[in-house]
Amino acid sequence: MVSITLKDADLKETFRIASSFKVFSLAESLGGVESLINHPVTMTHASIPREERIKNGLSDSLIRISAGIEDAGDLIEDLDRAIG
């Protein structure tokens, strides 16, 4: 799993990007064999107040990426297309 923070992206833009992947699925579970994208602020940590999330390093522009067993070239292409 890799966590990234999108530079100059607000909450709305970050969720739009997280939703734009084709090979990676937007999902809360990161324990399967498929490639997944997670946006903690709107998913796993949505119930935590923003100030508390920020204090713990969970910015609005944080995305977590879990690479699965799909073809590496397809995953790289999907990342490049969505994040550029």
Protein backbone atom coordinates (compact mmCIF):
# COMPACT_ATOMS: atom_id res chain seq x y z
CA MET A 1 0.00 0.00 0.00
CA VAL A 2 1.15 3.51 -0.84
CA SER A 3 -0.29 6.78 0.43
CA ILE A 4 0.00 9.95 -1.64
CA THR A 5 -1.11 13.53 -1.15
CA LEU A 6 -2.24 15.30 -4.30
CA LYS A 7 -0.57 18.68 -4.64
CA ASP A 8 -2.94 21.66 -4.85
CA ALA A 9 -6.06 19.44 -4.78
CA ASP A 10 -9.00 20.20 -2.52
CA LEU A 11 -11.47 17.67 -1.16
CA LYS A 12 -13.76 17.75 -4.21
CA GLU A 13 -10.90 17.44 -6.73
CA THR A 14 -9.24 14.63 -4.76
CA PHE A 15 -12.46 12.61 -4.65
CA ARG A 16 -13.01 13.25 -8.39
CA ILE A 17 -9.52 11.88 -9.12
CA ALA A 18 -9.99 8.90 -6.79
CA SER A 19 -13.24 8.11 -8.62
CA SER A 20 -11.69 8.36 -12.09
CA PHE A 21 -9.56 5.20 -12.02
CA LYS A 22 -10.54 2.38 -14.40
CA VAL A 23 -8.40 -0.57 -13.22
CA PHE A 24 -8.19 0.40 -9.55
CA SER A 25 -11.57 0.25 -7.78
CA LEU A 26 -12.64 2.90 -5.29
CA ALA A 27 -13.30 0.87 -2.13
CA GLU A 28 -12.80 0.88 1.63
CA SER A 29 -11.35 -2.62 1.93
CA LEU A 30 -7.61 -2.78 1.25
CA GLY A 31 -7.14 -6.46 2.04
CA GLY A 32 -8.05 -8.21 -1.23
CA VAL A 33 -6.04 -9.24 -4.27
CA GLU A 34 -7.56 -6.57 -6.51
CA SER A 35 -6.10 -3.08 -6.91
CA LEU A 36 -7.97 -0.51 -4.85
CA ILE A 37 -8.06 3.24 -4.25
CA ASN A 38 -9.20 4.63 -0.91
CA HIS A 39 -9.98 8.25 -0.02
CA PRO A 40 -9.91 8.14 3.80
CA VAL A 41 -11.56 11.54 4.34
CA THR A 42 -14.77 10.49 2.56
CA MET A 43 -14.59 6.80 3.36
CA THR A 44 -12.84 5.09 6.29
CA HIS A 45 -12.30 8.22 8.41
CA ALA A 46 -15.34 10.29 7.40
CA SER A 47 -16.81 10.23 10.92
CA ILE A 48 -13.68 11.77 12.48
CA PRO A 49 -13.75 15.59 12.77
CA ARG A 50 -11.58 17.32 10.15
CA GLU A 51 -9.32 18.96 12.76
CA GLU A 52 -8.58 15.55 14.29
CA ARG A 53 -7.88 14.00 10.87
CA ILE A 54 -5.50 16.84 9.94
CA LYS A 55 -3.70 16.52 13.28
CA ASN A 56 -3.13 12.84 12.48
CA GLY A 57 -1.87 13.42 8.93
CA LEU A 58 -5.08 12.65 7.05
CA SER A 59 -5.42 15.63 4.73
CA ASP A 60 -8.34 16.13 2.35
CA SER A 61 -5.99 15.36 -0.57
CA LEU A 62 -4.71 12.00 0.77
CA ILE A 63 -5.30 8.90 -1.37
CA ARG A 64 -4.27 5.37 -0.45
CA ILE A 65 -3.36 2.98 -3.24
CA SER A 66 -3.26 -0.79 -2.87
CA ALA A 67 -1.78 -2.61 -5.87
CA GLY A 68 -3.22 -6.03 -6.56
CA ILE A 69 -2.52 -8.83 -9.00
CA GLU A 70 -3.56 -7.08 -12.21
CA ASP A 71 -1.01 -6.53 -14.97
CA ALA A 72 1.62 -4.03 -13.80
CA GLY A 73 1.49 -2.15 -17.10
CA ASP A 74 -2.28 -1.72 -16.79
CA LEU A 75 -1.89 -0.40 -13.24
CA ILE A 76 0.83 2.06 -14.25
CA GLU A 77 -1.25 3.27 -17.20
CA ASP A 78 -4.28 3.76 -14.92
CA LEU A 79 -2.22 5.71 -12.38
CA ASP A 80 -0.70 7.87 -15.10
CA ARG A 81 -4.08 8.59 -16.68
CA ALA A 82 -5.86 9.43 -13.40
CA ILE A 83 -3.07 11.32 -11.63
CA GLY A 84 -0.92 12.29 -14.60
